[in-house]
């Protein structure tokens, strides 16, 4: 990247900003309104709608439980990332 900036003649005027955000706000749990985990929500909706045998529902609801269900990973915080095994 540095060579490309130098080749274009803009290296001396380039500014690099490296930043990261760690932690969530507000830290006070009383001020945080989170309904629960995404996989738990999917499982609860499936039970309510009678769709517990749906393969997609089973895969998401059991993603973190490799011993009894499809092996995958559900990471939910501010957003949900669902990693399922091929």
N, C-alpha and C. Protein backbone atom coordinates (compact mmCIF):
# COMPACT_ATOMS: atom_id res chain seq x y z
N UNK A 1 0.82 -1.18 0.00
CA UNK A 1 0.00 0.00 0.00
C UNK A 1 0.88 1.26 0.00
N UNK A 2 1.94 1.22 0.79
CA UNK A 2 2.83 2.39 0.84
C UNK A 2 3.46 2.64 -0.52
N UNK A 3 3.87 1.58 -1.20
CA UNK A 3 4.46 1.75 -2.53
C UNK A 3 3.45 2.33 -3.50
N UNK A 4 2.20 1.92 -3.41
CA UNK A 4 1.16 2.44 -4.30
C UNK A 4 0.92 3.93 -4.04
N UNK A 5 0.91 4.32 -2.77
CA UNK A 5 0.74 5.74 -2.43
C UNK A 5 1.91 6.57 -2.94
N UNK A 6 3.12 6.04 -2.80
CA UNK A 6 4.30 6.75 -3.30
C UNK A 6 4.27 6.85 -4.82
N UNK A 7 3.85 5.77 -5.49
CA UNK A 7 3.79 5.77 -6.95
C UNK A 7 2.80 6.82 -7.47
N UNK A 8 1.75 7.08 -6.70
CA UNK A 8 0.75 8.07 -7.11
C UNK A 8 1.11 9.48 -6.64
N UNK A 9 2.22 9.59 -5.89
CA UNK A 9 2.66 10.89 -5.42
C UNK A 9 1.82 11.47 -4.29
N UNK A 10 1.12 10.62 -3.57
CA UNK A 10 0.26 11.12 -2.48
C UNK A 10 0.69 10.61 -1.10
N UNK A 11 1.82 9.93 -1.05
CA UNK A 11 2.27 9.37 0.23
C UNK A 11 2.52 10.46 1.27
N UNK A 12 3.19 11.55 0.88
CA UNK A 12 3.54 12.60 1.84
C UNK A 12 2.33 13.34 2.39
N UNK A 13 1.21 13.27 1.69
CA UNK A 13 0.01 13.95 2.18
C UNK A 13 -1.03 12.98 2.73
N UNK A 14 -0.68 11.69 2.79
CA UNK A 14 -1.63 10.68 3.27
C UNK A 14 -1.63 10.64 4.80
N UNK A 15 -2.80 10.41 5.36
CA UNK A 15 -2.95 10.28 6.80
C UNK A 15 -3.60 8.93 7.07
N UNK A 16 -2.97 8.12 7.91
CA UNK A 16 -3.52 6.82 8.29
C UNK A 16 -4.12 6.94 9.68
N UNK A 17 -5.35 6.52 9.81
CA UNK A 17 -6.01 6.51 11.11
C UNK A 17 -6.38 5.07 11.42
N UNK A 18 -5.85 4.56 12.52
CA UNK A 18 -6.17 3.20 12.97
C UNK A 18 -6.99 3.35 14.24
N UNK A 19 -8.15 2.74 14.24
CA UNK A 19 -9.05 2.91 15.37
C UNK A 19 -9.73 1.59 15.68
N UNK A 20 -10.23 1.47 16.88
CA UNK A 20 -10.99 0.29 17.28
C UNK A 20 -12.00 0.69 18.34
N UNK A 21 -13.09 -0.01 18.36
CA UNK A 21 -14.10 0.22 19.39
C UNK A 21 -14.19 -1.06 20.22
N UNK A 22 -13.94 -0.93 21.48
CA UNK A 22 -14.02 -2.08 22.38
C UNK A 22 -15.03 -1.75 23.46
N UNK A 23 -15.93 -2.69 23.70
CA UNK A 23 -16.94 -2.47 24.73
C UNK A 23 -18.22 -1.94 24.15
N UNK A 24 -19.25 -1.98 24.94
CA UNK A 24 -20.56 -1.54 24.51
C UNK A 24 -21.08 -0.48 25.47
N UNK A 25 -21.95 0.35 24.99
CA UNK A 25 -22.56 1.38 25.83
C UNK A 25 -24.06 1.28 25.72
N UNK A 26 -24.82 1.59 26.70
CA UNK A 26 -24.36 1.93 28.03
C UNK A 26 -23.90 0.69 28.79
N UNK A 27 -22.97 0.87 29.71
CA UNK A 27 -22.46 -0.25 30.48
C UNK A 27 -23.44 -0.64 31.58
N UNK A 28 -24.22 0.30 32.06
CA UNK A 28 -25.21 0.01 33.10
C UNK A 28 -26.25 -0.96 32.53
N UNK A 29 -26.32 -2.22 33.02
CA UNK A 29 -27.24 -3.21 32.46
C UNK A 29 -28.71 -2.81 32.58
N UNK A 30 -29.03 -1.92 33.52
CA UNK A 30 -30.42 -1.47 33.66
C UNK A 30 -30.84 -0.65 32.44
N UNK A 31 -29.87 0.03 31.82
CA UNK A 31 -30.16 0.87 30.66
C UNK A 31 -30.10 0.09 29.34
N UNK A 32 -29.74 -1.16 29.38
CA UNK A 32 -29.61 -1.98 28.18
C UNK A 32 -30.83 -2.86 28.03
N UNK A 33 -31.47 -2.79 26.87
CA UNK A 33 -32.66 -3.58 26.61
C UNK A 33 -32.35 -4.60 25.52
N UNK A 34 -32.02 -5.82 25.93
CA UNK A 34 -31.73 -6.88 24.97
C UNK A 34 -32.70 -8.02 25.21
N UNK A 35 -33.43 -8.44 24.18
CA UNK A 35 -34.45 -9.47 24.37
C UNK A 35 -33.90 -10.87 24.59
N UNK A 36 -32.63 -11.11 24.36
CA UNK A 36 -32.06 -12.44 24.52
C UNK A 36 -31.19 -12.79 23.34
N UNK A 37 -30.84 -14.04 23.24
CA UNK A 37 -29.98 -14.49 22.15
C UNK A 37 -30.80 -14.84 20.92
N UNK A 38 -30.22 -14.61 19.75
CA UNK A 38 -30.91 -14.84 18.49
C UNK A 38 -31.36 -16.29 18.34
N UNK A 39 -30.50 -17.24 18.67
CA UNK A 39 -30.86 -18.66 18.54
C UNK A 39 -32.03 -19.01 19.45
N UNK A 40 -32.05 -18.44 20.66
CA UNK A 40 -33.17 -18.68 21.57
C UNK A 40 -34.46 -18.10 21.00
N UNK A 41 -34.38 -16.93 20.38
CA UNK A 41 -35.55 -16.30 19.77
C UNK A 41 -36.08 -17.16 18.63
N UNK A 42 -35.19 -17.68 17.77
CA UNK A 42 -35.61 -18.54 16.66
C UNK A 42 -36.28 -19.79 17.19
N UNK A 43 -35.70 -20.41 18.21
CA UNK A 43 -36.28 -21.62 18.78
C UNK A 43 -37.66 -21.34 19.37
N UNK A 44 -37.82 -20.22 20.07
CA UNK A 44 -39.11 -19.88 20.67
C UNK A 44 -40.17 -19.62 19.60
N UNK A 45 -39.80 -18.92 18.54
CA UNK A 45 -40.75 -18.67 17.45
C UNK A 45 -41.14 -19.96 16.76
N UNK A 46 -40.17 -20.86 16.58
CA UNK A 46 -40.46 -22.14 15.93
C UNK A 46 -41.45 -22.95 16.75
N UNK A 47 -41.28 -22.97 18.05
CA UNK A 47 -42.20 -23.70 18.92
C UNK A 47 -43.59 -23.08 18.83
N UNK A 48 -43.64 -21.75 18.86
CA UNK A 48 -44.93 -21.05 18.80
C UNK A 48 -45.65 -21.32 17.49
N UNK A 49 -44.90 -21.42 16.38
CA UNK A 49 -45.50 -21.62 15.06
C UNK A 49 -45.56 -23.09 14.67
N UNK A 50 -45.09 -23.98 15.52
CA UNK A 50 -45.12 -25.41 15.21
C UNK A 50 -44.18 -25.81 14.10
N UNK A 51 -43.06 -25.10 13.96
CA UNK A 51 -42.11 -25.37 12.87
C UNK A 51 -40.81 -25.94 13.41
N UNK A 52 -40.87 -26.70 14.49
CA UNK A 52 -39.64 -27.18 15.12
C UNK A 52 -38.87 -28.18 14.27
N UNK A 53 -39.50 -28.78 13.26
CA UNK A 53 -38.80 -29.74 12.41
C UNK A 53 -38.17 -29.08 11.18
N UNK A 54 -38.40 -27.80 10.97
CA UNK A 54 -37.83 -27.09 9.82
C UNK A 54 -36.31 -27.14 9.92
N UNK A 55 -35.63 -27.62 8.87
CA UNK A 55 -34.16 -27.77 8.94
C UNK A 55 -33.42 -26.47 9.25
N UNK A 56 -33.90 -25.34 8.72
CA UNK A 56 -33.25 -24.07 9.00
C UNK A 56 -33.38 -23.68 10.46
N UNK A 57 -34.55 -23.91 11.02
CA UNK A 57 -34.79 -23.61 12.44
C UNK A 57 -33.91 -24.50 13.31
N UNK A 58 -33.86 -25.78 12.97
CA UNK A 58 -33.04 -26.72 13.74
C UNK A 58 -31.57 -26.32 13.69
N UNK A 59 -31.10 -25.93 12.52
CA UNK A 59 -29.69 -25.56 12.35
C UNK A 59 -29.33 -24.33 13.17
N UNK A 60 -30.20 -23.33 13.18
CA UNK A 60 -29.91 -22.11 13.94
C UNK A 60 -30.06 -22.35 15.43
N UNK A 61 -31.15 -22.99 15.83
CA UNK A 61 -31.42 -23.19 17.25
C UNK A 61 -30.37 -24.09 17.92
N UNK A 62 -29.78 -25.01 17.15
CA UNK A 62 -28.80 -25.94 17.71
C UNK A 62 -27.38 -25.66 17.25
N UNK A 63 -27.15 -24.52 16.67
CA UNK A 63 -25.84 -24.25 16.07
C UNK A 63 -24.69 -24.35 17.06
N UNK A 64 -24.92 -23.96 18.29
CA UNK A 64 -23.84 -24.00 19.28
C UNK A 64 -23.75 -25.34 19.99
N UNK A 65 -24.59 -26.29 19.64
CA UNK A 65 -24.65 -27.57 20.34
C UNK A 65 -24.28 -28.70 19.39
N UNK A 66 -23.00 -28.91 19.18
CA UNK A 66 -22.53 -29.90 18.20
C UNK A 66 -22.89 -31.33 18.58
N UNK A 67 -23.06 -31.60 19.87
CA UNK A 67 -23.32 -32.98 20.28
C UNK A 67 -24.73 -33.45 19.93
N UNK A 68 -25.69 -32.53 19.83
CA UNK A 68 -27.06 -32.96 19.56
C UNK A 68 -27.64 -32.37 18.29
N UNK A 69 -26.95 -31.45 17.66
CA UNK A 69 -27.51 -30.82 16.47
C UNK A 69 -26.44 -30.49 15.47
N UNK A 70 -26.82 -29.77 14.42
CA UNK A 70 -25.85 -29.35 13.42
C UNK A 70 -24.75 -28.51 14.06
N UNK A 71 -23.54 -28.76 13.66
CA UNK A 71 -22.41 -28.05 14.25
C UNK A 71 -22.22 -26.72 13.53
N UNK A 72 -22.29 -25.65 14.26
CA UNK A 72 -22.11 -24.32 13.71
C UNK A 72 -21.80 -23.36 14.83
N UNK A 73 -22.03 -22.09 14.59
CA UNK A 73 -21.73 -21.10 15.62
C UNK A 73 -22.66 -19.91 15.45
N UNK A 74 -23.30 -19.50 16.51
CA UNK A 74 -24.14 -18.30 16.51
C UNK A 74 -23.49 -17.30 17.44
N UNK A 75 -23.17 -16.14 16.91
CA UNK A 75 -22.60 -15.07 17.72
C UNK A 75 -23.55 -13.89 17.63
N UNK A 76 -24.15 -13.55 18.75
CA UNK A 76 -25.07 -12.42 18.72
C UNK A 76 -24.74 -11.44 19.83
N UNK A 77 -24.70 -10.19 19.44
CA UNK A 77 -24.47 -9.10 20.39
C UNK A 77 -25.28 -7.93 19.88
N UNK A 78 -24.65 -6.97 19.23
CA UNK A 78 -25.41 -5.88 18.60
C UNK A 78 -26.01 -6.35 17.28
N UNK A 79 -25.34 -7.30 16.65
CA UNK A 79 -25.85 -7.94 15.43
C UNK A 79 -25.70 -9.44 15.63
N UNK A 80 -26.26 -10.22 14.74
CA UNK A 80 -26.12 -11.68 14.84
C UNK A 80 -25.35 -12.19 13.63
N UNK A 81 -24.34 -13.00 13.88
CA UNK A 81 -23.60 -13.70 12.84
C UNK A 81 -23.87 -15.18 13.02
N UNK A 82 -24.27 -15.84 11.96
CA UNK A 82 -24.59 -17.26 12.05
C UNK A 82 -23.66 -18.00 11.10
N UNK A 83 -22.84 -18.87 11.66
CA UNK A 83 -21.90 -19.66 10.88
C UNK A 83 -22.37 -21.10 10.94
N UNK A 84 -22.76 -21.65 9.81
CA UNK A 84 -23.22 -23.03 9.75
C UNK A 84 -22.24 -23.86 8.95
N UNK A 85 -22.10 -25.09 9.36
CA UNK A 85 -21.22 -26.00 8.64
C UNK A 85 -21.84 -26.34 7.30
N UNK A 86 -21.02 -26.44 6.24
CA UNK A 86 -21.52 -26.81 4.90
C UNK A 86 -22.06 -28.21 4.90
